Every structure is written in structure tokens, then in C-alpha cells.
Protein backbone atom coordinates (compact mmCIF):
# COMPACT_ATOMS: atom_id res chain seq x y z
CA MET A 1 143.84 96.03 104.01
CA SER A 2 141.56 92.96 104.65
CA TYR A 3 138.08 92.89 103.32
CA GLU A 4 136.77 92.83 106.89
CA MET A 5 138.56 96.04 107.56
CA ILE A 6 137.13 97.65 104.35
CA ALA A 7 133.72 96.55 105.30
CA LEU A 8 134.08 98.09 108.79
CA LEU A 9 135.50 101.25 107.25
CA MET A 10 132.46 101.49 104.89
CA PHE A 11 130.03 101.04 107.70
CA ALA A 12 131.87 103.68 109.91
CA SER A 13 131.99 106.19 107.05
CA MET A 14 128.32 105.83 106.42
CA MET A 15 127.49 106.42 110.13
CA ALA A 16 129.77 109.44 110.11
CA MET A 17 128.11 110.87 107.00
CA LEU A 18 124.70 110.44 108.56
CA MET A 19 125.77 112.20 111.75
CA THR A 20 126.81 115.26 109.72
CA GLY A 21 123.15 115.62 108.69
CA GLN A 22 123.59 114.43 105.07
CA ARG A 23 120.51 112.94 103.39
CA VAL A 24 120.13 109.15 104.16
CA PHE A 25 120.12 108.12 100.45
CA GLY A 26 123.13 110.39 99.66
CA ALA A 27 125.21 109.06 102.55
CA ILE A 28 124.50 105.36 101.79
CA GLY A 29 124.55 105.53 98.10
CA GLY A 30 127.69 107.67 98.05
CA ILE A 31 129.69 105.44 100.21
CA ALA A 32 128.62 102.47 98.17
CA THR A 33 129.66 104.20 94.89
CA ILE A 34 132.95 105.26 96.20
CA ALA A 35 133.80 101.87 97.63
CA ALA A 36 132.98 100.08 94.53
CA LEU A 37 135.03 102.39 92.31
CA LEU A 38 137.97 102.18 94.66
CA LEU A 39 137.90 98.45 94.95
CA TRP A 40 137.02 97.29 91.51
CA GLY A 41 137.57 100.28 89.21
CA PRO A 42 134.99 101.36 86.61
CA GLY A 43 133.61 97.84 86.36
CA GLY A 44 132.61 98.06 90.06
CA SER A 45 129.70 100.24 89.08
CA GLU A 46 128.02 97.14 87.66
CA ILE A 47 127.67 95.67 91.18
CA PRO A 48 125.23 98.17 92.62
CA PHE A 49 123.70 98.90 89.18
CA SER A 50 122.62 95.26 88.95
CA ALA A 51 121.04 95.25 92.30
CA VAL A 52 119.11 98.35 91.51
CA MET A 53 117.81 97.04 88.28
CA LYS A 54 116.47 94.06 90.00
CA LEU A 55 114.32 96.38 92.19
CA MET A 56 113.10 98.39 89.17
CA LYS A 57 111.83 95.06 87.71
CA TRP A 58 110.14 94.04 90.90
CA TYR A 59 106.35 94.29 90.07
CA PRO A 60 105.03 94.48 93.71
CA MET A 61 106.89 97.74 94.13
CA LEU A 62 103.77 99.34 92.49
CA THR A 63 101.97 98.72 95.74
CA LEU A 64 103.93 101.43 97.53
CA PRO A 65 102.40 104.54 95.89
CA MET A 66 98.96 102.92 95.76
CA PHE A 67 98.76 102.42 99.53
CA ILE A 68 100.37 105.87 100.39
CA PHE A 69 97.73 107.52 98.05
CA MET A 70 94.87 105.61 99.69
CA GLY A 71 96.05 106.84 103.18
CA PHE A 72 96.38 110.36 102.18
CA VAL A 73 92.96 110.48 100.48
CA LEU A 74 91.28 109.18 103.65
CA SER A 75 93.18 111.49 105.79
CA GLU A 76 92.90 114.72 103.68
CA SER A 77 89.16 114.10 103.02
CA LYS A 78 88.56 113.89 106.87
CA ILE A 79 86.99 110.49 106.65
CA ALA A 80 89.19 109.70 109.55
CA ASP A 81 87.37 112.34 111.62
CA ASP A 82 84.26 110.24 111.40
CA LEU A 83 86.11 107.26 112.98
CA TYR A 84 86.93 109.31 116.09
CA ARG A 85 83.39 110.68 116.32
CA MET A 86 82.02 107.01 116.26
CA PHE A 87 84.40 105.97 119.05
CA HIS A 88 83.55 109.09 121.08
CA VAL A 89 79.87 108.32 120.99
CA TRP A 90 79.93 104.53 121.41
CA MET A 91 82.84 104.15 123.88
CA GLY A 92 82.37 107.18 126.11
CA PRO A 93 80.27 105.53 128.87
CA VAL A 94 83.09 102.97 129.68
CA LYS A 95 85.78 103.72 132.08
CA GLY A 96 88.82 104.61 129.93
CA GLY A 97 86.48 104.22 126.91
CA LEU A 98 87.83 107.07 124.95
CA ALA A 99 91.33 106.03 125.38
CA ILE A 100 90.38 102.51 124.32
CA GLY A 101 88.44 103.98 121.40
CA THR A 102 91.58 105.84 120.34
CA ILE A 103 93.52 102.56 120.17
CA GLY A 104 90.72 101.28 117.91
CA LEU A 105 91.01 104.41 115.93
CA MET A 106 94.74 103.86 115.53
CA VAL A 107 94.34 100.38 114.31
CA LEU A 108 91.89 101.50 111.62
CA ILE A 109 94.14 104.41 110.66
CA SER A 110 96.96 101.99 110.31
CA ALA A 111 94.89 99.82 107.99
CA MET A 112 94.20 102.95 105.89
CA ASN A 113 97.71 104.39 105.70
CA GLY A 114 100.57 102.07 106.76
CA LEU A 115 102.61 104.93 108.29
CA SER A 116 102.83 105.84 111.93
CA VAL A 117 103.03 109.52 111.17
CA ALA A 118 99.46 109.65 109.91
CA GLY A 119 98.13 108.02 113.14
CA MET A 120 100.18 110.46 115.22
CA ALA A 121 98.85 113.41 113.39
CA ILE A 122 95.20 112.33 113.60
CA GLY A 123 95.54 111.25 117.28
CA ALA A 124 97.25 114.45 118.35
CA THR A 125 94.99 116.83 116.56
CA ILE A 126 91.60 115.21 116.83
CA ALA A 127 91.70 112.64 119.73
CA LEU A 128 94.14 114.43 122.28
CA PRO A 129 92.13 117.67 122.63
CA GLU A 130 88.85 115.71 123.25
CA LEU A 131 90.47 113.47 125.91
CA LEU A 132 91.99 116.35 127.69
CA LYS A 133 88.65 118.22 127.63
CA ARG A 134 86.99 115.22 129.34
CA ASN A 135 89.50 115.17 132.12
CA TYR A 136 91.57 112.24 131.06
CA ASP A 137 94.99 112.05 132.58
CA LYS A 138 97.34 113.84 130.20
CA ARG A 139 100.28 111.49 130.69
CA MET A 140 98.21 108.45 130.02
CA VAL A 141 96.57 109.70 126.94
CA THR A 142 99.74 111.09 125.58
CA GLY A 143 101.12 107.44 125.88
CA VAL A 144 98.09 106.07 124.30
CA ILE A 145 98.44 108.15 121.14
CA GLN A 146 102.13 107.47 120.90
CA ALA A 147 101.80 103.78 121.27
CA GLY A 148 98.64 103.49 119.17
CA SER A 149 100.26 105.40 116.28
CA SER A 150 103.28 102.97 116.18
CA LEU A 151 100.90 100.30 115.08
CA GLY A 152 100.90 101.89 111.68
CA ILE A 153 104.23 100.25 110.74
CA LEU A 154 103.02 96.72 111.77
CA VAL A 155 99.36 96.39 110.80
CA PRO A 156 98.94 95.86 107.03
CA PRO A 157 99.25 97.59 104.65
CA SER A 158 102.54 98.56 106.37
CA VAL A 159 104.85 100.61 104.16
CA VAL A 160 107.79 99.53 106.40
CA LEU A 161 107.12 95.86 105.62
CA VAL A 162 106.92 96.73 101.97
CA LEU A 163 110.37 98.25 102.26
CA TYR A 164 111.68 95.32 104.13
CA ALA A 165 110.29 92.98 101.46
CA MET A 166 112.10 94.89 98.86
CA ILE A 167 115.48 94.70 100.56
CA ALA A 168 115.08 91.17 102.03
CA ARG A 169 113.50 89.86 98.77
CA GLN A 170 110.58 88.42 100.64
CA PRO A 171 106.92 88.30 99.53
CA VAL A 172 105.03 91.35 100.63
CA GLY A 173 101.71 89.42 101.06
CA GLN A 174 103.38 86.94 103.52
CA LEU A 175 104.91 89.71 105.59
CA TRP A 176 101.68 91.61 105.77
CA LEU A 177 99.85 88.53 106.97
CA ALA A 178 102.61 87.83 109.44
CA GLY A 179 102.10 91.29 110.93
CA VAL A 180 98.31 90.83 111.44
CA VAL A 181 98.15 88.71 114.48
CA PRO A 182 101.08 90.47 116.43
CA GLY A 183 99.51 93.82 115.46
CA LEU A 184 96.05 92.93 116.79
CA MET A 185 97.56 91.22 119.84
CA MET A 186 99.68 94.38 120.69
CA ALA A 187 96.48 96.44 120.30
CA ALA A 188 94.56 94.11 122.57
CA LEU A 189 97.33 94.28 125.15
CA PHE A 190 97.12 98.14 125.06
CA VAL A 191 93.42 98.01 125.49
CA LEU A 192 93.72 95.49 128.41
CA TYR A 193 96.33 97.73 130.14
CA ILE A 194 94.10 100.82 129.71
CA TYR A 195 90.90 99.04 130.97
CA ILE A 196 92.72 97.53 134.09
CA ARG A 197 94.46 100.85 134.82
CA CYS A 198 91.30 102.82 134.59
CA LYS A 199 89.36 100.25 136.61
CA LEU A 200 91.90 100.67 139.39
CA GLN A 201 92.38 104.42 139.09
CA PRO A 202 89.05 105.84 137.60
CA GLN A 203 90.45 109.31 137.70
CA LEU A 204 92.77 108.56 134.94
CA GLY A 205 89.98 107.85 132.47
CA PRO A 206 86.57 108.89 133.92
CA ALA A 207 83.50 107.28 132.29
CA ILE A 208 81.24 109.80 130.51
CA LYS A 209 77.73 109.04 131.66
CA SER A 210 76.33 110.21 128.50
CA ALA A 211 78.67 110.77 125.57
CA ASP A 212 76.54 113.22 123.79
CA ALA A 213 73.13 112.78 125.37
CA ASP A 214 71.36 114.77 122.77
CA ILE A 215 72.31 112.30 119.99
CA SER A 216 69.57 110.02 118.97
CA LYS A 217 69.86 106.34 118.35
CA ALA A 218 69.37 106.80 114.63
CA GLU A 219 72.24 109.24 114.61
CA LYS A 220 74.51 107.01 116.54
CA TYR A 221 73.92 104.19 114.12
CA ARG A 222 74.64 106.64 111.33
CA LEU A 223 77.91 107.52 112.91
CA LEU A 224 78.62 103.81 113.29
CA LEU A 225 78.18 103.34 109.53
CA ALA A 226 80.24 106.35 108.69
CA GLY A 227 82.97 105.24 111.00
CA LEU A 228 83.08 101.85 109.66
CA LEU A 229 83.50 103.05 106.05
CA PRO A 230 87.32 102.60 106.27
CA VAL A 231 86.80 99.12 107.36
CA GLY A 232 84.77 98.46 104.26
CA ILE A 233 87.51 99.96 102.11
CA PHE A 234 90.06 97.81 103.76
CA ALA A 235 87.96 94.70 103.23
CA SER A 236 87.27 95.45 99.59
CA MET A 237 91.14 95.38 99.14
CA MET A 238 92.16 92.52 101.38
CA VAL A 239 89.30 89.96 100.81
CA PRO A 240 89.98 89.40 97.16
CA PHE A 241 93.73 89.25 97.81
CA LEU A 242 93.46 86.63 100.69
CA ASN A 243 91.05 84.54 98.49
CA GLY A 244 93.40 84.57 95.51
CA TRP A 245 91.09 86.45 93.28
CA THR A 246 93.53 89.38 92.87
CA SER A 247 97.32 89.95 92.97
CA LEU A 248 98.84 92.17 95.53
CA VAL A 249 99.26 95.06 93.03
CA GLU A 250 95.68 94.68 91.92
CA SER A 251 94.43 94.78 95.51
CA SER A 252 96.49 97.92 96.18
CA ALA A 253 94.81 99.56 93.16
CA ILE A 254 91.32 98.48 94.40
CA GLY A 255 92.13 100.05 97.77
CA ALA A 256 93.27 103.29 96.33
CA MET A 257 90.31 103.56 93.94
CA ALA A 258 87.83 102.60 96.79
CA ALA A 259 89.24 105.52 98.93
CA PHE A 260 88.89 107.91 96.08
CA VAL A 261 85.36 106.87 95.30
CA ALA A 262 84.35 107.03 98.95
CA ALA A 263 85.66 110.59 99.19
CA VAL A 264 83.72 111.50 95.99
CA LEU A 265 80.49 109.91 97.19
CA LYS A 266 80.81 111.81 100.59
CA GLY A 267 81.32 115.04 98.70
CA ARG A 268 84.78 115.63 100.06
CA MET A 269 86.95 115.05 97.15
CA THR A 270 87.83 118.61 96.18
CA TRP A 271 90.73 119.68 93.90
CA GLN A 272 92.66 120.81 96.97
CA VAL A 273 92.30 117.33 98.53
CA LEU A 274 93.14 115.59 95.31
CA GLU A 275 96.19 117.93 94.68
CA THR A 276 97.59 117.51 98.19
CA SER A 277 97.11 113.78 98.22
CA LEU A 278 98.98 113.37 94.87
CA LYS A 279 101.82 115.64 95.93
CA GLN A 280 102.20 113.96 99.26
CA THR A 281 102.03 110.59 97.56
CA LEU A 282 104.80 111.57 95.04
CA GLY A 283 107.13 112.99 97.66
CA VAL A 284 106.88 110.11 100.12
CA SER A 285 107.14 107.45 97.41
CA CYS A 286 110.14 109.13 95.81
CA MET A 287 111.86 109.47 99.19
CA PHE A 288 111.44 105.79 99.94
CA LEU A 289 112.53 104.67 96.51
CA TRP A 290 115.66 106.70 96.63
CA ILE A 291 116.55 105.34 100.06
CA VAL A 292 115.88 101.61 98.99
CA LEU A 293 117.89 102.07 95.86
CA ALA A 294 120.87 103.44 97.84
CA ALA A 295 120.59 100.65 100.39
CA LEU A 296 120.57 97.84 97.64
CA GLY A 297 123.61 99.36 96.17
CA PHE A 298 125.28 99.42 99.50
CA GLY A 299 124.26 95.92 100.24
CA ALA A 300 125.62 94.63 96.97
CA VAL A 301 129.02 96.04 97.58
CA PHE A 302 128.99 95.03 101.24
CA ASP A 303 128.09 91.45 100.36
CA GLY A 304 130.60 91.36 97.61
CA LEU A 305 133.37 91.87 100.27
CA GLY A 306 132.23 88.76 102.16
CA ALA A 307 131.48 90.93 105.12
CA VAL A 308 128.40 88.96 106.20
CA ARG A 309 130.26 85.63 106.23
CA ALA A 310 133.05 87.21 108.19
CA ILE A 311 130.72 88.59 110.89
CA ASP A 312 128.86 85.30 111.08
CA GLY A 313 132.18 83.50 111.57
CA LEU A 314 133.14 86.05 114.24
CA PHE A 315 129.98 85.61 116.23
CA THR A 316 129.46 81.87 115.89
CA ASP A 317 132.89 80.39 115.57
CA GLN A 318 135.37 82.80 117.25
CA LEU A 319 133.00 84.14 120.04
CA GLY A 320 130.86 81.06 120.23
CA LEU A 321 127.69 82.95 120.60
CA ASN A 322 124.37 81.14 120.39
CA PRO A 323 122.19 82.28 117.33
CA TRP A 324 119.45 83.38 119.80
CA VAL A 325 121.98 85.59 121.65
CA ILE A 326 123.11 87.10 118.42
CA LEU A 327 119.45 87.83 117.51
CA ILE A 328 118.78 89.47 120.78
CA LEU A 329 121.86 91.74 120.26
CA MET A 330 120.63 92.64 116.83
CA GLN A 331 117.24 93.70 118.36
CA LEU A 332 119.04 95.77 121.14
CA SER A 333 121.02 97.51 118.40
CA PHE A 334 117.73 98.53 116.67
CA ILE A 335 116.47 100.11 119.87
CA LEU A 336 119.71 101.99 120.33
CA MET A 337 119.68 103.36 116.70
CA GLY A 338 116.03 104.19 117.13
CA THR A 339 116.96 106.86 119.56
CA PHE A 340 118.24 109.02 116.74
CA LEU A 341 117.09 107.49 113.42
CA ASP A 342 113.62 106.71 111.93
CA ASP A 343 112.51 103.31 110.75
CA THR A 344 113.49 103.71 107.12
CA ALA A 345 117.06 104.87 107.96
CA MET A 346 117.47 102.01 110.44
CA LEU A 347 116.34 99.44 108.06
CA VAL A 348 118.56 100.54 105.09
CA ILE A 349 121.63 100.89 107.30
CA VAL A 350 121.54 97.41 108.86
CA ALA A 351 119.78 95.45 106.23
CA PRO A 352 122.89 94.81 104.19
CA LEU A 353 124.37 93.20 107.37
CA TYR A 354 121.44 91.90 109.32
CA VAL A 355 119.30 90.25 106.70
CA PRO A 356 121.98 87.83 105.33
CA LEU A 357 123.15 87.15 108.84
CA VAL A 358 119.68 86.23 110.06
CA LYS A 359 119.37 83.83 107.09
CA ALA A 360 122.79 82.23 107.77
CA LEU A 361 121.81 81.74 111.37
CA GLY A 362 118.85 79.67 110.25
CA PHE A 363 115.90 82.01 111.22
CA ASP A 364 112.91 82.71 108.98
CA LEU A 365 113.12 86.14 107.24
CA ILE A 366 109.39 86.60 107.28
CA TRP A 367 109.29 86.01 111.10
CA TYR A 368 112.31 88.40 111.49
CA GLY A 369 110.55 91.05 109.53
CA VAL A 370 107.88 91.14 112.20
CA LEU A 371 110.58 91.11 114.93
CA TYR A 372 112.31 94.02 113.31
CA THR A 373 109.13 96.06 112.95
CA ILE A 374 108.06 95.52 116.62
CA THR A 375 111.57 96.50 117.70
CA THR A 376 111.32 99.59 115.54
CA GLN A 377 108.00 100.48 117.34
CA ILE A 378 109.80 100.21 120.64
CA ALA A 379 112.68 102.30 119.28
CA TYR A 380 110.20 104.97 118.19
CA MET A 381 109.30 105.50 121.82
CA THR A 382 112.70 105.22 123.55
CA PRO A 383 114.26 108.30 125.09
CA PRO A 384 116.21 110.41 124.64
CA PHE A 385 115.45 110.92 120.85
CA GLY A 386 112.69 108.47 119.93
CA TYR A 387 111.03 109.51 116.81
CA ASN A 388 107.46 109.47 118.23
CA LEU A 389 108.42 111.50 121.33
CA PHE A 390 109.46 114.49 119.11
CA LEU A 391 106.47 114.12 116.86
CA MET A 392 104.21 114.30 119.90
CA ARG A 393 106.16 117.30 121.22
CA ALA A 394 105.62 119.10 117.95
CA MET A 395 101.90 118.46 117.79
CA ALA A 396 100.82 118.29 121.38
CA PRO A 397 99.03 121.36 123.03
CA PRO A 398 101.17 123.57 125.44
CA GLU A 399 99.88 121.89 128.65
CA ILE A 400 101.73 118.75 127.55
CA LYS A 401 105.31 119.19 128.63
CA LEU A 402 108.35 117.16 127.38
CA LYS A 403 108.53 115.54 130.87
CA ASP A 404 104.93 114.29 130.43
CA ILE A 405 105.83 112.84 126.98
CA TYR A 406 108.75 110.97 128.26
CA THR A 407 107.11 109.60 131.33
CA SER A 408 103.95 108.55 129.46
CA ILE A 409 105.53 105.84 127.41
CA THR A 410 107.02 103.67 129.98
CA PRO A 411 104.01 101.21 130.60
CA PHE A 412 103.34 101.03 126.89
CA VAL A 413 107.06 100.18 126.06
CA MET A 414 106.77 97.39 128.59
CA VAL A 415 103.61 96.11 126.82
CA MET A 416 105.55 96.33 123.57
CA MET A 417 108.44 94.34 125.07
CA LEU A 418 106.01 91.75 126.23
CA ALA A 419 104.64 91.41 122.71
CA LEU A 420 108.05 91.21 121.25
CA THR A 421 108.95 88.34 123.72
CA LEU A 422 105.77 86.54 122.92
CA VAL A 423 106.51 86.66 119.09
CA MET A 424 110.06 85.49 119.70
CA VAL A 425 109.06 82.64 121.97
CA PHE A 426 105.99 81.67 119.96
CA PRO A 427 106.86 82.25 116.25
CA ASP A 428 103.53 80.89 115.18
CA LEU A 429 101.94 84.16 116.29
CA ALA A 430 103.46 85.68 113.28
CA MET A 431 103.77 82.63 111.00
CA TRP A 432 100.35 80.96 111.38
CA LEU A 433 98.34 83.20 109.16
CA PRO A 434 100.74 83.41 106.23
CA ASN A 435 101.25 79.68 106.40
CA TYR A 436 97.54 79.03 106.57
CA VAL A 437 96.73 81.35 103.58
CA TYR A 438 99.60 80.37 101.29
CA GLY A 439 99.48 76.70 102.34
CA ARG A 440 96.01 76.14 101.14
């Protein structure tokens, strides 16, 4: 049997294992182990082991639990609630203002947590009831929360980009900086769409003539300061890093400590909050670590077979496809997989194949990390089994039907497709900031 057929059999076996409901790390790592032992005997175990040990020695990996802890502390201590209260009071008088404020909330939640699930949970439990109560169109606001929460995997400190950095062996700091401009651009496009849509159809997002008329100016400014607290925490972490005063790991520790101190000073750091935050951090960190270890082991065996070179030759030499056509086909495959897999599973399944292939085609791996992440956002919201669709269904109130959830995402997916196209056509949208910071 040729190595190409063995690689295809490995990939097909892994997909079959995943479809049976096996845990992602078990399916990927198990196939890698069996393949290595069958191909090279007992010595084959050294191939995935060597790849795994490289990860265990990768110092920036310490950022993962730090940022996850920071996000859970800010979420569990209800500091995020102050954010929405701020947007409610300040943005209410604008047509579609609360929906625009919700996008702003999601951007800040993303900067606090780095995961889309946190934004979805906060948006569905805090923002959605308030928007419905103020007669906002249920389909539009459902789409707003789903689209806004997806920013969590693009805006730094994105946990997904940390995982991509681990697998692609790229600097986390450069990947984060590459996600800043595309993330803010996408948020701005969401805001522009909401504003124009509500200007043309005011009934979708009616202006609140007085968003809490009984609130004094002093109270409004107090809410502004309370709502901007997470911005201060994010700045305390990122400013020293961007200026070269601290390393990435040191900055992540500053962010975690700043979130903890903020919760203590506001009197919200109870033992229950601390225990829940630590347990959640441990659970999520271990889950990610096991998946990445399995992916690296699979990738080492897969690459050892020469599968990447064979696929590169098939696409470019035998089929004669242009590198850009191959890249677009890869993005389409992400969207297809996103209908039934989450972002982590997608990354670890295709990384052993796509990352070396992208490099062989001559594309920048930092830029491609941003493309992957945006495509994952789109996949999150693509029927029939988009990840965000089912999260929203689980968290939404009874009046939000599955049909509403499915129809709500169409305009936002189109906006995301526009953002993806812009980043592909103008790579400097992603590369300008990391080149500027690291080129100084």
C-alpha cells in the first residue's frame, strides 16, 4: 500500500471515529498511535512523542490558562453585567442603539475572555431579554448576538489563535495583533449594517427616547466608569506587551491578576466565584491541551508519510490548480466542517494537512491564521448544524424559535463573507499591525 493511501486511510479512520461520538483527542491520538506502531513498530512511538515534548517545552503555552482564568473571573463576578448596563443607558436613544451597544459589549467580552461561548452566554442571558422587552425585532437581535459572540475567537486574547500558534509553530503575539484590525473591522461592519437597517426600518430597532430617564448624569458617568473597567484591565495587559516591557506570558499573568484584583475591590470575589473560576479554567485548559497533544502526534505521523508533499503535488502539478484556488477550496471545507464540528476540532483535524500545505503554496501562516479564524466564525453560524445556532437555541427564551435563529444569521454571514474577502484581497489588513509592532 502506498503512503498516500495510508494517509488517506488515517484521515478517513479519524473522521469515522469522530462520527461515532468518540472524544476528539481520543479519536485523533488513537489513530496516530495505531498508525505509528503499525508502520514503524515500537520505535514509531518516538515520532508523536517527540512532537508532544516540543509542545510541553513551549513557554507561551502558559498564556492559555491565564487568559481563560481572566475571562471566567470577569464573567462569574458579574463585571460583564456593568458593561451592558453602560451600553443600555448611553446607546438607548439611538435607532438600533441597544443592538449596536450589544456589538460593543461583545467586542469587550471578547477582549476579556477569548472564547465565543462566553459572549453567547452573556448576550443571551443579559442582552437578549432587554432587547426583546424594548420591542426590538427578535430575528435581528438573535443574529446580532450570534454574530457578535463569534468575535471572541478573533479579537485578542483569542484562545483559538493560541491553539493555532501551538500547532502551526507561529508567534502568538503576532497572531493576536493580526486579528485586531480584522476583528474591529468586522465589528464596525456589523454596526454599520445595524445602523443602516434600523434607519430604513425603524420598527426593527426603535430608539428609546429616554433610556432610564430617572438616572442622573452623575449615575450615568458612574456607569460609564464601571463599564470601562474591563477596558482598563485589557489595557494593563496589552500596553506593556506592545511596548516590549513584558513578555506574552508576563502580560497574561498581569491580565489574570488585574481581573482578580478588580473583582476583589468591587466586593464580588467570593469563595464561590473563585472556586467556579478555577474549576472552569482547569477543565477548559486540560481539554484544549489534550486535543492539541493528540493533533501534534497525528500531524507528526501524517507528515512522516510525506502526505503533505503528495497532496501539494496532486493539486499543483497533476490538477494544475492555482494556489489561490486551493486556498479557497480549503476555506470552503472549513465552512462545511463547521456545520457539525466546533473550532478546536476543525483546527486539529485539518492542521496536519493544511498548515504545511499553506506554507508550501507560499502563503504567510500568520495571515492564514486570521483567514482560518474568520472562516471558523462563518462556519459557527452556517446551517444546518452551526455551533452558534445550537448554543442560541439552548439559551434563547421560548418565543425565539429555531426558524428565527436560522433566518437571523443570513445578513451577518454575508457581512462576514465580505470581511473574509477583504482580508484575502488586502492581506495588510491583517499583517500591518504585527509588521509595525515587530518591525520597530
